[in-house]
Amino acid sequence: MHVLFVCNSNVCRSVIAERLTRAYAIDNSMTALTAESAGTRALVGFPPEPLAAEAIAGLGGDATGFKARKLKADMVDRADLILTMTESLRDQVGEIAFGAGPRTFTLAEAHRIAKVTGAKSIAALHYARNDLAYVARENVADPIGLSPEAFIDVADRIAELLFPLLAALAPHAQTKLSEVREQTGLVIEPRGAAPLSTFLAANRRH
C-alpha cells in the first residue's frame, strides 16, 4: 500500500505523516507499506521545518534527507491512498487527477470512518463515507510560525490519527485491497507523546 500525504508547503504536517509511516513500516517489517508526501504550494527543495524534524525524531521517525516537493498528478495516480491535512486540500487533490476521489480522505476522516466501521480496506472506507457524513471540520492545523509546543501537539495529533489507521489497513497490503473483506473492529490506543516503539509495544499486548 503506497500512501501519499498532502499539505500546503510540505515542510511540516505531511512530512511528519510520511516519516512516521516509514518508521511504522520498518518497525513492523511491512515492506509493502510505503509513503511519500507533497504540497500544493510546496517550498520545493526545502528541508523540513526544524521544529517538525524534532517532532518526528521525538516520535521515533527520521527526517534525514527530506526535500519538499510540489504535488503532481503522477504522485496521485500511483498512490493507493491519499491522506490530506484539510478538507480543502482533499478537494484540490480531486481536481488534480481524474478518479482520485474514492482514494482521497482527510487523515481525520479516514481515521474516524475506520474507527466507527472497522474498515480494513480503502474501498470500505469510501463505501462508508457518505453514510458517516460529519458536520464538523476534520482538519489538522498548520503549526508554521507557532511555538515548539504547537509542533509537538500537531505531531501527536497526526500520530493519534495515523497509527491506528495503518494498523487497520497495512496488514492487508500484501493482498489486493479490493479483495479484503474482513471487517473486524479497530482498537484505538492512546498516544500522548510517547515514542513510536512504546505505542507499538502497547498495541501488540492487545
Protein backbone atom coordinates (compact mmCIF):
# COMPACT_ATOMS: atom_id res chain seq x y z
CA MET A 1 0.00 0.00 0.00
CA HIS A 2 1.51 3.29 -1.11
CA VAL A 3 0.27 6.33 0.83
CA LEU A 4 0.56 9.94 -0.32
CA PHE A 5 0.26 12.68 2.31
CA VAL A 6 -0.63 16.21 1.24
CA CYS A 7 -0.42 19.58 2.97
CA ASN A 8 0.37 23.10 1.77
CA SER A 9 4.13 23.71 1.99
CA ASN A 10 5.33 20.10 2.50
CA VAL A 11 7.71 21.04 5.30
CA CYS A 12 5.57 20.25 8.37
CA ARG A 13 2.40 18.16 8.58
CA SER A 14 2.74 15.93 5.53
CA VAL A 15 6.43 15.33 6.27
CA ILE A 16 5.58 14.23 9.80
CA ALA A 17 2.96 11.81 8.48
CA GLU A 18 5.26 10.43 5.78
CA ARG A 19 8.21 9.80 8.05
CA LEU A 20 6.07 8.28 10.83
CA THR A 21 4.56 5.92 8.25
CA ARG A 22 8.02 4.87 7.12
CA ALA A 23 9.04 4.27 10.73
CA TYR A 24 5.90 2.21 11.29
CA ALA A 25 6.64 0.10 8.21
CA ILE A 26 10.22 -0.55 9.33
CA ASP A 27 9.25 -1.40 12.91
CA ASN A 28 6.64 -3.87 11.64
CA SER A 29 8.68 -5.28 8.72
CA MET A 30 5.97 -4.19 6.28
CA THR A 31 7.87 -3.90 3.02
CA ALA A 32 4.62 -3.37 1.09
CA LEU A 33 3.82 -0.20 3.06
CA THR A 34 5.43 2.88 1.50
CA ALA A 35 4.85 6.60 1.77
CA GLU A 36 5.66 9.94 0.21
CA SER A 37 4.40 13.48 0.64
CA ALA A 38 3.92 16.69 -1.31
CA GLY A 39 2.47 20.18 -1.03
CA THR A 40 0.04 22.11 -3.16
CA ARG A 41 2.16 25.24 -2.60
CA ALA A 42 5.38 23.45 -1.73
CA LEU A 43 8.59 25.16 -0.74
CA VAL A 44 10.30 23.00 -3.34
CA GLY A 45 13.71 21.72 -2.27
CA PHE A 46 13.44 22.97 1.30
CA PRO A 47 14.19 20.63 4.23
CA PRO A 48 11.57 20.07 6.91
CA GLU A 49 10.87 22.91 9.32
CA PRO A 50 13.40 22.28 12.16
CA LEU A 51 10.65 22.01 14.78
CA ALA A 52 8.86 19.46 12.59
CA ALA A 53 12.07 17.45 12.28
CA GLU A 54 12.43 17.49 16.07
CA ALA A 55 8.84 16.32 16.48
CA ILE A 56 9.44 13.47 14.02
CA ALA A 57 12.53 12.37 15.94
CA GLY A 58 10.65 12.57 19.22
CA LEU A 59 8.10 10.08 17.88
CA GLY A 60 10.69 7.64 16.57
CA GLY A 61 10.94 8.81 12.96
CA ASP A 62 13.77 10.22 10.86
CA ALA A 63 13.54 13.36 8.73
CA THR A 64 17.03 12.97 7.25
CA GLY A 65 17.36 13.71 3.54
CA PHE A 66 13.85 15.06 3.03
CA LYS A 67 13.23 17.83 0.49
CA ALA A 68 9.84 19.39 -0.17
CA ARG A 69 8.06 18.58 -3.43
CA LYS A 70 5.12 20.05 -5.26
CA LEU A 71 2.06 17.85 -5.68
CA LYS A 72 1.75 16.45 -9.21
CA ALA A 73 -0.79 14.27 -10.95
CA ASP A 74 1.56 11.31 -11.28
CA MET A 75 2.00 11.21 -7.49
CA VAL A 76 -1.76 10.97 -7.08
CA ASP A 77 -2.03 8.34 -9.82
CA ARG A 78 0.45 5.95 -8.19
CA ALA A 79 -0.94 6.28 -4.66
CA ASP A 80 -3.27 3.63 -3.28
CA LEU A 81 -4.40 6.04 -0.57
CA ILE A 82 -4.18 9.84 -0.41
CA LEU A 83 -4.46 11.46 3.01
CA THR A 84 -4.68 15.24 3.22
CA MET A 85 -4.40 17.51 6.24
CA THR A 86 -7.52 19.56 5.46
CA GLU A 87 -10.82 19.22 3.65
CA SER A 88 -9.82 21.96 1.22
CA LEU A 89 -6.69 20.04 0.26
CA ARG A 90 -8.77 16.87 -0.18
CA ASP A 91 -10.94 18.70 -2.69
CA GLN A 92 -7.89 20.09 -4.52
CA VAL A 93 -6.45 16.60 -4.96
CA GLY A 94 -9.66 15.55 -6.68
CA GLU A 95 -9.13 18.33 -9.22
CA ILE A 96 -5.53 17.34 -9.98
CA ALA A 97 -6.05 13.74 -11.08
CA PHE A 98 -9.12 12.03 -12.51
CA GLY A 99 -10.55 9.23 -10.39
CA ALA A 100 -8.71 10.15 -7.19
CA GLY A 101 -11.87 10.84 -5.16
CA PRO A 102 -12.52 7.30 -3.85
CA ARG A 103 -8.89 7.07 -2.64
CA THR A 104 -8.70 10.52 -1.06
CA PHE A 105 -9.63 11.42 2.51
CA THR A 106 -8.52 13.80 5.18
CA LEU A 107 -6.42 11.95 7.72
CA ALA A 108 -9.02 12.63 10.42
CA GLU A 109 -11.85 11.49 8.16
CA ALA A 110 -10.20 8.17 7.30
CA HIS A 111 -9.40 7.53 10.96
CA ARG A 112 -12.97 8.26 12.03
CA ILE A 113 -14.55 6.02 9.40
CA ALA A 114 -12.17 3.16 10.21
CA LYS A 115 -12.81 3.52 13.92
CA VAL A 116 -16.60 3.53 13.55
CA THR A 117 -16.93 0.82 10.90
CA GLY A 118 -13.89 -1.37 11.46
CA ALA A 119 -12.98 -0.92 7.78
CA LYS A 120 -9.90 -2.84 6.69
CA SER A 121 -9.69 -1.60 3.09
CA ILE A 122 -9.68 1.68 1.23
CA ALA A 123 -12.76 0.56 -0.68
CA ALA A 124 -14.57 0.01 2.62
CA LEU A 125 -13.59 3.48 3.81
CA HIS A 126 -15.02 5.01 0.66
CA TYR A 127 -18.18 2.90 0.78
CA ALA A 128 -18.98 4.15 4.28
CA ARG A 129 -18.05 7.78 3.61
CA ASN A 130 -21.49 9.13 2.68
CA ASP A 131 -23.28 7.22 5.43
CA LEU A 132 -20.96 8.73 8.02
CA ALA A 133 -21.06 12.37 6.95
CA TYR A 134 -19.64 14.63 9.63
CA VAL A 135 -20.73 18.24 10.07
CA ALA A 136 -17.64 19.40 11.97
CA ARG A 137 -14.37 20.18 10.24
CA GLU A 138 -11.76 17.41 10.10
CA ASN A 139 -8.55 19.35 9.65
CA VAL A 140 -5.05 19.14 11.13
CA ALA A 141 -3.90 22.68 11.87
CA ASP A 142 -0.74 24.10 10.30
CA PRO A 143 1.82 24.87 13.06
CA ILE A 144 4.05 27.09 10.90
CA GLY A 145 5.09 30.16 12.87
CA LEU A 146 3.83 28.75 16.15
CA SER A 147 5.61 27.54 19.29
CA PRO A 148 7.59 24.32 19.73
CA GLU A 149 4.71 23.07 21.86
CA ALA A 150 2.32 23.62 18.96
CA PHE A 151 4.51 21.46 16.70
CA ILE A 152 4.53 18.70 19.32
CA ASP A 153 0.75 18.91 19.65
CA VAL A 154 0.29 18.65 15.87
CA ALA A 155 2.74 15.76 15.60
CA ASP A 156 0.97 13.92 18.42
CA ARG A 157 -2.37 14.55 16.74
CA ILE A 158 -1.10 13.13 13.45
CA ALA A 159 0.28 10.07 15.26
CA GLU A 160 -3.00 9.52 17.12
CA LEU A 161 -4.89 9.51 13.84
CA LEU A 162 -2.32 7.74 11.69
CA PHE A 163 -1.08 4.72 13.64
CA PRO A 164 -4.48 3.09 14.26
CA LEU A 165 -5.38 3.66 10.60
CA LEU A 166 -2.18 1.97 9.45
CA ALA A 167 -2.81 -0.84 11.92
CA ALA A 168 -6.17 -1.41 10.24
CA LEU A 169 -5.13 -1.14 6.60
CA ALA A 170 -1.45 -2.07 6.35
CA PRO A 171 -1.67 -5.75 7.39
CA HIS A 172 -3.69 -6.32 4.22
CA ALA A 173 -1.22 -4.54 1.97
CA GLN A 174 0.12 -7.83 0.57
CA THR A 175 -3.27 -8.59 -0.97
CA LYS A 176 -5.37 -6.60 -3.42
CA LEU A 177 -7.36 -4.10 -1.43
CA SER A 178 -10.49 -4.87 -3.42
CA GLU A 179 -10.31 -8.47 -2.18
CA VAL A 180 -10.12 -7.66 1.52
CA ARG A 181 -13.46 -8.49 3.11
CA GLU A 182 -12.70 -8.79 6.82
CA GLN A 183 -14.47 -6.04 8.75
CA THR A 184 -13.42 -6.58 12.38
CA GLY A 185 -13.15 -3.73 14.90
CA LEU A 186 -10.35 -1.20 15.11
CA VAL A 187 -8.83 -0.64 18.55
CA ILE A 188 -7.62 2.91 19.16
CA GLU A 189 -4.73 3.16 21.60
CA PRO A 190 -3.96 6.47 23.36
CA ARG A 191 -0.74 8.01 22.04
CA GLY A 192 0.22 11.02 24.13
CA ALA A 193 3.82 11.99 23.45
CA ALA A 194 5.30 8.51 23.82
CA PRO A 195 7.73 7.28 21.15
CA LEU A 196 6.56 5.04 18.33
CA SER A 197 8.15 1.98 19.92
CA THR A 198 6.07 2.48 23.07
CA PHE A 199 2.86 2.74 21.06
CA LEU A 200 3.67 -0.37 19.07
CA ALA A 201 4.56 -2.36 22.18
CA ALA A 202 1.27 -1.38 23.81
CA ASN A 203 -0.68 -2.28 20.67
CA ARG A 204 0.93 -5.73 20.49
CA ARG A 205 -0.25 -6.52 24.02
CA HIS A 206 -3.91 -6.47 22.87
